[in-house]
Amino acid sequence: MTSRLNPDDQQRVDEYLRAPQHQVERRPFRPWLLLVLTIAVVIGLGLLSRLLSGMVL
C-alpha cells in the first residue's frame, strides 16, 4: 500500500515511529490465560451471588 503523504511528511512519520519511546517491547498475547481468568471471574461472581441469596432468603 502506498502512502498518501508527501515524502517530507512520510519521513517525519517514520522518524516518529522509530523513536525509542515508541519501540516498547510487549509480552505476547495469551488468549488461554484471558479465557481462564474470565471463567474464574464468572464462576466467582456466581458463587458470591448464591452465597448472598442464601443469606437473604
PDB file of N, CA and C in Angstrom:
ATOM      1  N   MET A   1       0.850  -1.175   0.000  1.00  0.00           N
ATOM      2  CA  MET A   1       0.000   0.000   0.000  1.00  0.00           C
ATOM      3  C   MET A   1       0.894   1.235   0.000  1.00  0.00           C
ATOM      4  N   THR A   2       0.640   2.110  -0.913  1.00  0.00           N
ATOM      5  CA  THR A   2       1.447   3.321  -0.993  1.00  0.00           C
ATOM      6  C   THR A   2       0.886   4.381  -0.053  1.00  0.00           C
ATOM      7  N   SER A   3       1.774   5.246   0.370  1.00  0.00           N
ATOM      8  CA  SER A   3       1.386   6.307   1.298  1.00  0.00           C
ATOM      9  C   SER A   3       0.762   7.467   0.534  1.00  0.00           C
ATOM     10  N   ARG A   4      -0.241   8.083   1.156  1.00  0.00           N
ATOM     11  CA  ARG A   4      -0.859   9.264   0.547  1.00  0.00           C
ATOM     12  C   ARG A   4      -0.170  10.540   1.014  1.00  0.00           C
ATOM     13  N   LEU A   5       0.819  10.399   1.889  1.00  0.00           N
ATOM     14  CA  LEU A   5       1.536  11.575   2.380  1.00  0.00           C
ATOM     15  C   LEU A   5       2.616  11.973   1.383  1.00  0.00           C
ATOM     16  N   ASN A   6       2.977  13.244   1.433  1.00  0.00           N
ATOM     17  CA  ASN A   6       4.106  13.633   0.596  1.00  0.00           C
ATOM     18  C   ASN A   6       5.377  13.127   1.270  1.00  0.00           C
ATOM     19  N   PRO A   7       6.468  13.021   0.552  1.00  0.00           N
ATOM     20  CA  PRO A   7       7.684  12.398   1.104  1.00  0.00           C
ATOM     21  C   PRO A   7       8.198  13.046   2.388  1.00  0.00           C
ATOM     22  N   ASP A   8       8.090  14.369   2.519  1.00  0.00           N
ATOM     23  CA  ASP A   8       8.575  15.027   3.735  1.00  0.00           C
ATOM     24  C   ASP A   8       7.749  14.614   4.950  1.00  0.00           C
ATOM     25  N   ASP A   9       6.433  14.592   4.783  1.00  0.00           N
ATOM     26  CA  ASP A   9       5.566  14.199   5.885  1.00  0.00           C
ATOM     27  C   ASP A   9       5.773  12.721   6.235  1.00  0.00           C
ATOM     28  N   GLN A  10       5.931  11.880   5.222  1.00  0.00           N
ATOM     29  CA  GLN A  10       6.162  10.457   5.474  1.00  0.00           C
ATOM     30  C   GLN A  10       7.476  10.248   6.228  1.00  0.00           C
ATOM     31  N   GLN A  11       8.489  11.026   5.912  1.00  0.00           N
ATOM     32  CA  GLN A  11       9.764  10.923   6.609  1.00  0.00           C
ATOM     33  C   GLN A  11       9.594  11.307   8.080  1.00  0.00           C
ATOM     34  N   ARG A  12       8.816  12.357   8.366  1.00  0.00           N
ATOM     35  CA  ARG A  12       8.562  12.744   9.751  1.00  0.00           C
ATOM     36  C   ARG A  12       7.811  11.654  10.500  1.00  0.00           C
ATOM     37  N   VAL A  13       6.843  11.035   9.851  1.00  0.00           N
ATOM     38  CA  VAL A  13       6.098   9.942  10.490  1.00  0.00           C
ATOM     39  C   VAL A  13       7.029   8.778  10.780  1.00  0.00           C
ATOM     40  N   ASP A  14       7.873   8.421   9.833  1.00  0.00           N
ATOM     41  CA  ASP A  14       8.811   7.312  10.033  1.00  0.00           C
ATOM     42  C   ASP A  14       9.786   7.596  11.172  1.00  0.00           C
ATOM     43  N   GLU A  15      10.277   8.820  11.259  1.00  0.00           N
ATOM     44  CA  GLU A  15      11.192   9.182  12.354  1.00  0.00           C
ATOM     45  C   GLU A  15      10.471   9.105  13.706  1.00  0.00           C
ATOM     46  N   TYR A  16       9.221   9.552  13.725  1.00  0.00           N
ATOM     47  CA  TYR A  16       8.428   9.497  14.957  1.00  0.00           C
ATOM     48  C   TYR A  16       8.250   8.058  15.412  1.00  0.00           C
ATOM     49  N   LEU A  17       7.945   7.169  14.496  1.00  0.00           N
ATOM     50  CA  LEU A  17       7.727   5.769  14.859  1.00  0.00           C
ATOM     51  C   LEU A  17       9.017   5.038  15.225  1.00  0.00           C
ATOM     52  N   ARG A  18      10.160   5.529  14.749  1.00  0.00           N
ATOM     53  CA  ARG A  18      11.441   4.910  15.096  1.00  0.00           C
ATOM     54  C   ARG A  18      11.990   5.402  16.430  1.00  0.00           C
ATOM     55  N   ALA A  19      11.356   6.394  17.031  1.00  0.00           N
ATOM     56  CA  ALA A  19      11.835   6.941  18.306  1.00  0.00           C
ATOM     57  C   ALA A  19      11.766   5.853  19.383  1.00  0.00           C
ATOM     58  N   PRO A  20      12.706   5.871  20.339  1.00  0.00           N
ATOM     59  CA  PRO A  20      12.767   4.805  21.353  1.00  0.00           C
ATOM     60  C   PRO A  20      11.492   4.666  22.179  1.00  0.00           C
ATOM     61  N   GLN A  21      10.815   5.751  22.479  1.00  0.00           N
ATOM     62  CA  GLN A  21       9.615   5.649  23.309  1.00  0.00           C
ATOM     63  C   GLN A  21       8.467   4.942  22.587  1.00  0.00           C
ATOM     64  N   HIS A  22       8.570   4.766  21.277  1.00  0.00           N
ATOM     65  CA  HIS A  22       7.531   4.074  20.524  1.00  0.00           C
ATOM     66  C   HIS A  22       7.934   2.647  20.172  1.00  0.00           C
ATOM     67  N   GLN A  23       9.018   2.170  20.743  1.00  0.00           N
ATOM     68  CA  GLN A  23       9.510   0.825  20.462  1.00  0.00           C
ATOM     69  C   GLN A  23       9.431  -0.038  21.715  1.00  0.00           C
ATOM     70  N   VAL A  24       8.312  -0.012  22.409  1.00  0.00           N
ATOM     71  CA  VAL A  24       8.141  -0.730  23.665  1.00  0.00           C
ATOM     72  C   VAL A  24       7.962  -2.213  23.376  1.00  0.00           C
ATOM     73  N   GLU A  25       8.744  -3.049  24.081  1.00  0.00           N
ATOM     74  CA  GLU A  25       8.600  -4.493  23.953  1.00  0.00           C
ATOM     75  C   GLU A  25       7.405  -4.941  24.775  1.00  0.00           C
ATOM     76  N   ARG A  26       6.530  -5.715  24.175  1.00  0.00           N
ATOM     77  CA  ARG A  26       5.347  -6.206  24.870  1.00  0.00           C
ATOM     78  C   ARG A  26       5.406  -7.722  24.962  1.00  0.00           C
ATOM     79  N   ARG A  27       4.807  -8.239  26.046  1.00  0.00           N
ATOM     80  CA  ARG A  27       4.717  -9.685  26.161  1.00  0.00           C
ATOM     81  C   ARG A  27       3.724 -10.188  25.126  1.00  0.00           C
ATOM     82  N   PRO A  28       3.911 -11.408  24.663  1.00  0.00           N
ATOM     83  CA  PRO A  28       2.952 -11.928  23.681  1.00  0.00           C
ATOM     84  C   PRO A  28       1.563 -12.109  24.300  1.00  0.00           C
ATOM     85  N   PHE A  29       0.557 -11.911  23.499  1.00  0.00           N
ATOM     86  CA  PHE A  29      -0.824 -12.062  23.945  1.00  0.00           C
ATOM     87  C   PHE A  29      -1.103 -13.543  24.182  1.00  0.00           C
ATOM     88  N   ARG A  30      -1.702 -13.863  25.346  1.00  0.00           N
ATOM     89  CA  ARG A  30      -2.008 -15.248  25.677  1.00  0.00           C
ATOM     90  C   ARG A  30      -3.514 -15.401  25.849  1.00  0.00           C
ATOM     91  N   PRO A  31      -4.214 -15.841  24.795  1.00  0.00           N
ATOM     92  CA  PRO A  31      -5.670 -15.931  24.863  1.00  0.00           C
ATOM     93  C   PRO A  31      -6.151 -16.956  25.880  1.00  0.00           C
ATOM     94  N   TRP A  32      -5.388 -18.025  26.124  1.00  0.00           N
ATOM     95  CA  TRP A  32      -5.836 -19.039  27.090  1.00  0.00           C
ATOM     96  C   TRP A  32      -5.860 -18.475  28.499  1.00  0.00           C
ATOM     97  N   LEU A  33      -4.902 -17.638  28.838  1.00  0.00           N
ATOM     98  CA  LEU A  33      -4.894 -17.010  30.160  1.00  0.00           C
ATOM     99  C   LEU A  33      -6.109 -16.091  30.313  1.00  0.00           C
ATOM    100  N   LEU A  34      -6.427 -15.339  29.281  1.00  0.00           N
ATOM    101  CA  LEU A  34      -7.604 -14.465  29.314  1.00  0.00           C
ATOM    102  C   LEU A  34      -8.877 -15.296  29.487  1.00  0.00           C
ATOM    103  N   LEU A  35      -8.964 -16.415  28.787  1.00  0.00           N
ATOM    104  CA  LEU A  35     -10.135 -17.279  28.899  1.00  0.00           C
ATOM    105  C   LEU A  35     -10.263 -17.848  30.311  1.00  0.00           C
ATOM    106  N   VAL A  36      -9.164 -18.318  30.879  1.00  0.00           N
ATOM    107  CA  VAL A  36      -9.185 -18.879  32.232  1.00  0.00           C
ATOM    108  C   VAL A  36      -9.575 -17.811  33.246  1.00  0.00           C
ATOM    109  N   LEU A  37      -9.022 -16.628  33.135  1.00  0.00           N
ATOM    110  CA  LEU A  37      -9.362 -15.546  34.057  1.00  0.00           C
ATOM    111  C   LEU A  37     -10.840 -15.155  33.935  1.00  0.00           C
ATOM    112  N   THR A  38     -11.348 -15.107  32.722  1.00  0.00           N
ATOM    113  CA  THR A  38     -12.754 -14.762  32.521  1.00  0.00           C
ATOM    114  C   THR A  38     -13.664 -15.813  33.151  1.00  0.00           C
ATOM    115  N   ILE A  39     -13.349 -17.077  32.941  1.00  0.00           N
ATOM    116  CA  ILE A  39     -14.147 -18.156  33.526  1.00  0.00           C
ATOM    117  C   ILE A  39     -14.068 -18.115  35.048  1.00  0.00           C
ATOM    118  N   ALA A  40     -12.891 -17.864  35.588  1.00  0.00           N
ATOM    119  CA  ALA A  40     -12.731 -17.797  37.044  1.00  0.00           C
ATOM    120  C   ALA A  40     -13.558 -16.652  37.632  1.00  0.00           C
ATOM    121  N   VAL A  41     -13.573 -15.513  36.979  1.00  0.00           N
ATOM    122  CA  VAL A  41     -14.352 -14.375  37.471  1.00  0.00           C
ATOM    123  C   VAL A  41     -15.847 -14.682  37.408  1.00  0.00           C
ATOM    124  N   VAL A  42     -16.299 -15.296  36.326  1.00  0.00           N
ATOM    125  CA  VAL A  42     -17.720 -15.624  36.192  1.00  0.00           C
ATOM    126  C   VAL A  42     -18.136 -16.635  37.258  1.00  0.00           C
ATOM    127  N   ILE A  43     -17.322 -17.662  37.468  1.00  0.00           N
ATOM    128  CA  ILE A  43     -17.631 -18.650  38.500  1.00  0.00           C
ATOM    129  C   ILE A  43     -17.607 -18.005  39.878  1.00  0.00           C
ATOM    130  N   GLY A  44     -16.614 -17.173  40.145  1.00  0.00           N
ATOM    131  CA  GLY A  44     -16.518 -16.499  41.436  1.00  0.00           C
ATOM    132  C   GLY A  44     -17.718 -15.616  41.710  1.00  0.00           C
ATOM    133  N   LEU A  45     -18.138 -14.851  40.721  1.00  0.00           N
ATOM    134  CA  LEU A  45     -19.312 -13.988  40.905  1.00  0.00           C
ATOM    135  C   LEU A  45     -20.587 -14.819  41.056  1.00  0.00           C
ATOM    136  N   GLY A  46     -20.667 -15.943  40.360  1.00  0.00           N
ATOM    137  CA  GLY A  46     -21.824 -16.821  40.512  1.00  0.00           C
ATOM    138  C   GLY A  46     -21.904 -17.400  41.912  1.00  0.00           C
ATOM    139  N   LEU A  47     -20.757 -17.832  42.437  1.00  0.00           N
ATOM    140  CA  LEU A  47     -20.730 -18.359  43.805  1.00  0.00           C
ATOM    141  C   LEU A  47     -21.072 -17.272  44.825  1.00  0.00           C
ATOM    142  N   LEU A  48     -20.562 -16.078  44.632  1.00  0.00           N
ATOM    143  CA  LEU A  48     -20.882 -14.973  45.522  1.00  0.00           C
ATOM    144  C   LEU A  48     -22.381 -14.661  45.469  1.00  0.00           C
ATOM    145  N   SER A  49     -22.963 -14.718  44.281  1.00  0.00           N
ATOM    146  CA  SER A  49     -24.388 -14.485  44.127  1.00  0.00           C
ATOM    147  C   SER A  49     -25.203 -15.535  44.890  1.00  0.00           C
ATOM    148  N   ARG A  50     -24.808 -16.791  44.772  1.00  0.00           N
ATOM    149  CA  ARG A  50     -25.520 -17.848  45.501  1.00  0.00           C
ATOM    150  C   ARG A  50     -25.363 -17.674  47.020  1.00  0.00           C
ATOM    151  N   LEU A  51     -24.194 -17.284  47.465  1.00  0.00           N
ATOM    152  CA  LEU A  51     -23.957 -17.080  48.880  1.00  0.00           C
ATOM    153  C   LEU A  51     -24.845 -15.948  49.413  1.00  0.00           C
ATOM    154  N   LEU A  52     -24.878 -14.850  48.682  1.00  0.00           N
ATOM    155  CA  LEU A  52     -25.697 -13.716  49.105  1.00  0.00           C
ATOM    156  C   LEU A  52     -27.189 -14.050  49.076  1.00  0.00           C
ATOM    157  N   SER A  53     -27.631 -14.783  48.077  1.00  0.00           N
ATOM    158  CA  SER A  53     -29.059 -15.142  48.020  1.00  0.00           C
ATOM    159  C   SER A  53     -29.417 -16.096  49.157  1.00  0.00           C
ATOM    160  N   GLY A  54     -28.497 -16.958  49.547  1.00  0.00           N
ATOM    161  CA  GLY A  54     -28.740 -17.848  50.670  1.00  0.00           C
ATOM    162  C   GLY A  54     -28.808 -17.103  51.989  1.00  0.00           C
ATOM    163  N   MET A  55     -28.058 -16.032  52.102  1.00  0.00           N
ATOM    164  CA  MET A  55     -28.090 -15.256  53.328  1.00  0.00           C
ATOM    165  C   MET A  55     -29.370 -14.416  53.431  1.00  0.00           C
ATOM    166  N   VAL A  56     -29.918 -13.981  52.298  1.00  0.00           N
ATOM    167  CA  VAL A  56     -31.089 -13.125  52.296  1.00  0.00           C
ATOM    168  C   VAL A  56     -32.362 -13.943  52.456  1.00  0.00           C
ATOM    169  N   LEU A  57     -32.436 -15.060  51.782  1.00  0.00           N
ATOM    170  CA  LEU A  57     -33.680 -15.860  51.816  1.00  0.00           C
ATOM    171  C   LEU A  57     -33.697 -16.844  52.945  1.00  0.00           C
TER     172      LEU A  57
END
